[in-house]
Amino acid sequence: MGLGNLDLEALFVMSAGFLLGVVPAFLLVGIYYGRRFENEKKALRLKYERQVTALRATLRRMMERIDILSGERNQLKRANQALRETVRDQHEITDNTSQELEDAQQNLVRLEERVDELQAENLQYEGRLEQAEIHQQRMAAQTQQVIDQLTQTQRLRRNLLFAATQLRETKISNQALETRLNKKLEPLPDNESISPAKVDVSMIEGLEPVYAERLHESGIHTIGDLARQTPARVAHFAGLSTWDDSAAWIAEAKLRLASSTRAQA
């Protein structure tokens, strides 16, 4: 209710009071204002109670929000703690990785140094290998020369054996001629002379009995049989490792046959 209305009502009450009397007028005014104040007090109390209720509801909602925020804060604290632990673990891993990286770098440096050393050693070995190859080539050339010389020596040996066989045959022929001249004997008839082709192989000079026995077992009994053989076959039958002796035996057998043929002629 406005102030203007209040004054009008007061004036109306006062006017009525003057009409009815002063004391009743004050009583009426007091009662009137008392009721008005009581109504306004009730209205204010109701208003304040509504506001308090609203404030309490708001406070309750705020407390609930604070509880929610507190829970979220606790969750954030736990998440932050877990994040810190994760970061600390990551730092430890990073430190370990850094240490391993440093160790790997040091190992790499050592390996590079070792590779350099091995390359230097490889160069030395290559130089030595080249020298060894040169030496091997020289040795091969010298070996070839020795082989050539040995081949020539073997050829000379075979020639010397052949010449020695011819010399022995010549000596034998000369001795036979000297014996005949000294005894003044005539040559025996062909039917009474012994042909060299039928002489046993053991009569060949240098042919030992063990070799003669092996040749007998192989079917080579006489000088004629021996003259028809090859050095390889005779060496095989006699168990020789080379052809030198077998070639000399065959050469002597052929010389004896040839000498006999010339003597008969």
Protein backbone atom coordinates (compact mmCIF):
# COMPACT_ATOMS: atom_id res chain seq x y z
CA MET A 1 0.00 0.00 0.00
CA GLY A 2 1.36 3.43 -0.96
CA LEU A 3 2.19 6.36 1.25
CA GLY A 4 -0.54 8.52 -0.27
CA ASN A 5 -3.15 5.92 0.51
CA LEU A 6 -1.85 5.65 4.05
CA ASP A 7 -2.22 9.39 4.62
CA LEU A 8 -5.70 9.43 3.20
CA GLU A 9 -6.72 6.56 5.40
CA ALA A 10 -5.14 8.19 8.42
CA LEU A 11 -6.88 11.41 7.67
CA PHE A 12 -10.10 9.48 7.27
CA VAL A 13 -9.60 7.76 10.60
CA MET A 14 -8.62 10.97 12.31
CA SER A 15 -11.64 12.67 10.84
CA ALA A 16 -13.78 9.87 12.13
CA GLY A 17 -12.05 10.14 15.48
CA PHE A 18 -12.78 13.74 15.71
CA LEU A 19 -16.33 12.95 14.96
CA LEU A 20 -16.46 10.10 17.48
CA GLY A 21 -13.98 11.46 19.96
CA VAL A 22 -10.29 11.86 20.34
CA VAL A 23 -9.52 8.75 22.47
CA PRO A 24 -11.46 6.29 20.43
CA ALA A 25 -9.83 7.78 17.40
CA PHE A 26 -6.34 7.09 18.73
CA LEU A 27 -7.42 3.58 19.69
CA LEU A 28 -8.78 2.95 16.28
CA VAL A 29 -5.63 4.37 14.72
CA GLY A 30 -3.49 2.16 16.97
CA ILE A 31 -5.50 -0.92 16.18
CA TYR A 32 -5.42 -0.12 12.52
CA TYR A 33 -1.66 0.43 12.41
CA GLY A 34 -1.11 -2.59 14.63
CA ARG A 35 -2.97 -4.81 12.20
CA ARG A 36 -1.21 -3.27 9.28
CA PHE A 37 2.19 -3.81 10.91
CA GLU A 38 1.21 -7.36 11.80
CA ASN A 39 0.13 -8.05 8.22
CA GLU A 40 3.29 -6.47 6.85
CA LYS A 41 5.33 -8.41 9.42
CA LYS A 42 3.69 -11.66 8.33
CA ALA A 43 4.23 -10.73 4.70
CA LEU A 44 7.90 -9.93 5.40
CA ARG A 45 8.32 -13.14 7.44
CA LEU A 46 6.74 -15.15 4.62
CA LYS A 47 8.94 -13.36 2.12
CA TYR A 48 12.04 -13.94 4.25
CA GLU A 49 11.07 -17.57 4.80
CA ARG A 50 10.68 -18.05 1.06
CA GLN A 51 14.02 -16.35 0.48
CA VAL A 52 15.63 -18.46 3.22
CA THR A 53 14.11 -21.59 1.69
CA ALA A 54 15.38 -20.54 -1.70
CA LEU A 55 18.77 -19.72 -0.20
CA ARG A 56 18.83 -23.07 1.60
CA ALA A 57 17.96 -24.87 -1.64
CA THR A 58 20.64 -22.86 -3.41
CA LEU A 59 23.07 -23.61 -0.58
CA ARG A 60 22.18 -27.29 -0.75
CA ARG A 61 22.72 -27.29 -4.51
CA MET A 62 26.00 -25.45 -3.97
CA MET A 63 27.04 -28.00 -1.34
CA GLU A 64 26.15 -30.81 -3.73
CA ARG A 65 28.12 -29.04 -6.44
CA ILE A 66 30.98 -28.55 -3.99
CA ASP A 67 30.85 -32.29 -3.20
CA ILE A 68 30.89 -33.08 -6.91
CA LEU A 69 33.72 -30.64 -7.44
CA SER A 70 35.55 -32.14 -4.45
CA GLY A 71 35.17 -35.62 -5.98
CA GLU A 72 36.36 -34.30 -9.31
CA ARG A 73 39.21 -32.56 -7.49
CA ASN A 74 40.18 -35.81 -5.81
CA GLN A 75 40.01 -37.59 -9.14
CA LEU A 76 42.11 -34.85 -10.66
CA LYS A 77 44.59 -35.19 -7.78
CA ARG A 78 44.79 -38.94 -8.32
CA ALA A 79 45.11 -38.46 -12.06
CA ASN A 80 47.74 -35.79 -11.46
CA GLN A 81 49.62 -38.14 -9.11
CA ALA A 82 49.41 -40.95 -11.65
CA LEU A 83 50.55 -38.54 -14.35
CA ARG A 84 53.47 -37.46 -12.16
CA GLU A 85 54.41 -41.08 -11.57
CA THR A 86 54.13 -41.73 -15.29
CA VAL A 87 56.26 -38.69 -16.02
CA ARG A 88 58.78 -39.84 -13.41
CA ASP A 89 58.84 -43.30 -14.98
CA GLN A 90 59.22 -41.71 -18.38
CA HIS A 91 62.10 -39.62 -17.04
CA GLU A 92 63.72 -42.76 -15.66
CA ILE A 93 63.18 -44.53 -18.97
CA THR A 94 64.54 -41.49 -20.77
CA ASP A 95 67.56 -41.44 -18.48
CA ASN A 96 68.12 -45.15 -19.03
CA THR A 97 67.64 -44.69 -22.76
CA SER A 98 70.07 -41.80 -22.74
CA GLN A 99 72.61 -43.93 -20.87
CA GLU A 100 72.07 -46.80 -23.28
CA LEU A 101 72.40 -44.38 -26.18
CA GLU A 102 75.66 -43.07 -24.76
CA ASP A 103 76.89 -46.64 -24.27
CA ALA A 104 75.85 -47.49 -27.80
CA GLN A 105 77.67 -44.44 -29.13
CA GLN A 106 80.78 -45.44 -27.20
CA ASN A 107 80.48 -48.98 -28.53
CA LEU A 108 80.04 -47.57 -32.02
CA VAL A 109 83.17 -45.49 -31.61
CA ARG A 110 85.08 -48.55 -30.40
CA LEU A 111 83.72 -50.58 -33.30
CA GLU A 112 84.77 -47.89 -35.76
CA GLU A 113 88.23 -47.90 -34.24
CA ARG A 114 88.31 -51.69 -34.48
CA VAL A 115 87.16 -51.50 -38.10
CA ASP A 116 89.97 -49.06 -38.84
CA GLU A 117 92.44 -51.42 -37.18
CA LEU A 118 91.06 -54.38 -39.15
CA GLN A 119 91.26 -52.39 -42.37
CA ALA A 120 94.89 -51.54 -41.60
CA GLU A 121 95.58 -55.20 -40.83
CA ASN A 122 93.75 -56.17 -44.02
CA LEU A 123 95.99 -53.85 -46.00
CA GLN A 124 99.02 -55.46 -44.38
CA TYR A 125 97.68 -58.93 -45.15
CA GLU A 126 96.95 -57.89 -48.73
CA GLY A 127 100.54 -56.69 -49.05
CA ARG A 128 101.78 -59.95 -47.58
CA LEU A 129 99.43 -61.88 -49.85
CA GLU A 130 100.80 -60.07 -52.89
CA GLN A 131 104.32 -60.88 -51.75
CA ALA A 132 103.27 -64.49 -51.15
CA GLU A 133 101.71 -64.68 -54.61
CA ILE A 134 104.89 -63.27 -56.14
CA HIS A 135 106.93 -65.77 -54.11
CA GLN A 136 104.56 -68.55 -55.15
CA GLN A 137 104.95 -67.57 -58.79
CA ARG A 138 108.70 -67.64 -58.38
CA MET A 139 108.51 -70.99 -56.64
CA ALA A 140 106.23 -72.29 -59.38
CA ALA A 141 108.72 -71.14 -62.00
CA GLN A 142 111.57 -72.73 -60.06
CA THR A 143 109.51 -75.91 -59.61
CA GLN A 144 108.83 -76.00 -63.33
CA GLN A 145 112.52 -75.57 -63.96
CA VAL A 146 113.26 -78.41 -61.53
CA ILE A 147 110.63 -80.57 -63.24
CA ASP A 148 112.14 -79.78 -66.62
CA GLN A 149 115.58 -80.57 -65.28
CA LEU A 150 114.26 -83.79 -63.72
CA THR A 151 112.64 -84.73 -67.02
CA GLN A 152 115.90 -84.10 -68.81
CA THR A 153 117.70 -86.09 -66.10
CA GLN A 154 115.32 -89.01 -66.55
CA ARG A 155 115.83 -88.86 -70.29
CA LEU A 156 119.59 -88.78 -69.77
CA ARG A 157 119.30 -91.68 -67.33
CA ARG A 158 117.35 -93.74 -69.85
CA ASN A 159 119.86 -92.85 -72.53
CA LEU A 160 122.71 -93.75 -70.17
CA LEU A 161 121.04 -97.06 -69.32
CA PHE A 162 120.54 -97.77 -72.99
CA ALA A 163 124.17 -96.86 -73.70
CA ALA A 164 125.35 -98.97 -70.74
CA THR A 165 123.32 -101.90 -72.06
CA GLN A 166 124.85 -101.46 -75.51
CA LEU A 167 128.28 -101.25 -73.92
CA ARG A 168 127.70 -104.45 -71.98
CA GLU A 169 126.47 -106.21 -75.08
CA THR A 170 129.50 -104.94 -76.96
CA LYS A 171 131.78 -106.17 -74.22
CA ILE A 172 130.07 -109.55 -74.20
CA SER A 173 130.43 -109.79 -77.97
CA ASN A 174 134.05 -108.73 -77.79
CA GLN A 175 134.75 -111.28 -75.07
CA ALA A 176 133.10 -114.00 -77.12
CA LEU A 177 135.13 -113.06 -80.17
CA GLU A 178 138.33 -112.97 -78.14
CA THR A 179 137.55 -116.38 -76.68
CA ARG A 180 136.96 -117.82 -80.11
CA LEU A 181 140.13 -116.25 -81.46
CA ASN A 182 142.20 -117.46 -78.56
CA LYS A 183 140.88 -121.01 -78.80
CA LYS A 184 140.90 -120.85 -82.56
CA LEU A 185 137.52 -122.40 -82.66
CA GLU A 186 135.16 -122.26 -85.53
CA PRO A 187 131.69 -120.90 -84.90
CA LEU A 188 129.19 -123.50 -83.93
CA PRO A 189 126.57 -124.48 -86.41
CA ASP A 190 123.22 -122.84 -86.18
CA ASN A 191 121.60 -126.01 -84.96
CA GLU A 192 124.11 -126.33 -82.10
CA SER A 193 124.14 -122.67 -80.89
CA ILE A 194 121.74 -121.43 -78.20
CA SER A 195 119.51 -118.59 -79.41
CA PRO A 196 119.38 -115.53 -77.06
CA ALA A 197 115.63 -115.47 -77.54
CA LYS A 198 115.44 -118.67 -75.51
CA VAL A 199 117.72 -117.46 -72.68
CA ASP A 200 115.92 -116.98 -69.36
CA VAL A 201 115.10 -113.40 -68.35
CA SER A 202 117.06 -113.88 -65.14
CA MET A 203 120.23 -113.53 -67.26
CA ILE A 204 119.43 -109.86 -67.90
CA GLU A 205 121.83 -107.69 -65.89
CA GLY A 206 120.13 -105.85 -63.04
CA LEU A 207 117.01 -108.04 -63.12
CA GLU A 208 116.83 -109.47 -59.62
CA PRO A 209 115.46 -112.96 -58.94
CA VAL A 210 112.31 -111.65 -57.29
CA TYR A 211 111.47 -109.64 -60.43
CA ALA A 212 112.34 -112.64 -62.65
CA GLU A 213 109.95 -114.82 -60.64
CA ARG A 214 107.15 -112.24 -61.03
CA LEU A 215 107.78 -112.09 -64.78
CA HIS A 216 107.68 -115.89 -64.94
CA GLU A 217 104.30 -115.85 -63.18
CA SER A 218 103.08 -113.32 -65.77
CA GLY A 219 104.16 -115.52 -68.68
CA ILE A 220 107.44 -113.77 -69.51
CA HIS A 221 110.12 -116.48 -69.37
CA THR A 222 112.76 -115.74 -72.00
CA ILE A 223 114.61 -112.75 -73.39
CA GLY A 224 112.50 -113.04 -76.52
CA ASP A 225 109.32 -112.76 -74.45
CA LEU A 226 110.77 -109.73 -72.69
CA ALA A 227 111.78 -108.01 -75.95
CA ARG A 228 108.17 -108.16 -77.19
CA GLN A 229 106.78 -106.35 -74.10
CA THR A 230 106.32 -102.65 -73.34
CA PRO A 231 107.99 -100.89 -70.38
CA ALA A 232 104.57 -100.25 -68.83
CA ARG A 233 103.53 -103.91 -68.92
CA VAL A 234 106.87 -105.13 -67.59
CA ALA A 235 106.81 -102.54 -64.76
CA HIS A 236 103.25 -103.61 -63.90
CA PHE A 237 104.10 -107.33 -63.90
CA ALA A 238 107.31 -106.81 -61.89
CA GLY A 239 105.67 -104.43 -59.40
CA LEU A 240 107.87 -101.42 -60.23
CA SER A 241 106.83 -97.82 -59.49
CA THR A 242 108.62 -96.40 -62.60
CA TRP A 243 109.43 -97.52 -66.11
CA ASP A 244 113.16 -96.87 -65.93
CA ASP A 245 114.30 -100.38 -65.00
CA SER A 246 111.74 -102.12 -67.22
CA ALA A 247 112.80 -99.98 -70.20
CA ALA A 248 116.47 -100.86 -69.53
CA TRP A 249 115.64 -104.57 -69.33
CA ILE A 250 113.72 -104.48 -72.61
CA ALA A 251 116.52 -102.49 -74.27
CA GLU A 252 119.11 -105.06 -73.19
CA ALA A 253 116.91 -107.91 -74.42
CA LYS A 254 116.51 -106.25 -77.81
CA LEU A 255 120.26 -105.60 -77.99
CA ARG A 256 121.03 -109.24 -77.31
CA LEU A 257 118.62 -110.34 -80.00
CA ALA A 258 120.07 -107.82 -82.42
CA SER A 259 123.64 -108.89 -81.61
CA SER A 260 122.72 -112.51 -82.10
CA THR A 261 121.14 -111.71 -85.44
CA ARG A 262 124.23 -109.80 -86.60
CA ALA A 263 126.52 -112.60 -85.38
CA GLN A 264 124.53 -115.21 -87.29
CA ALA A 265 124.62 -113.03 -90.40
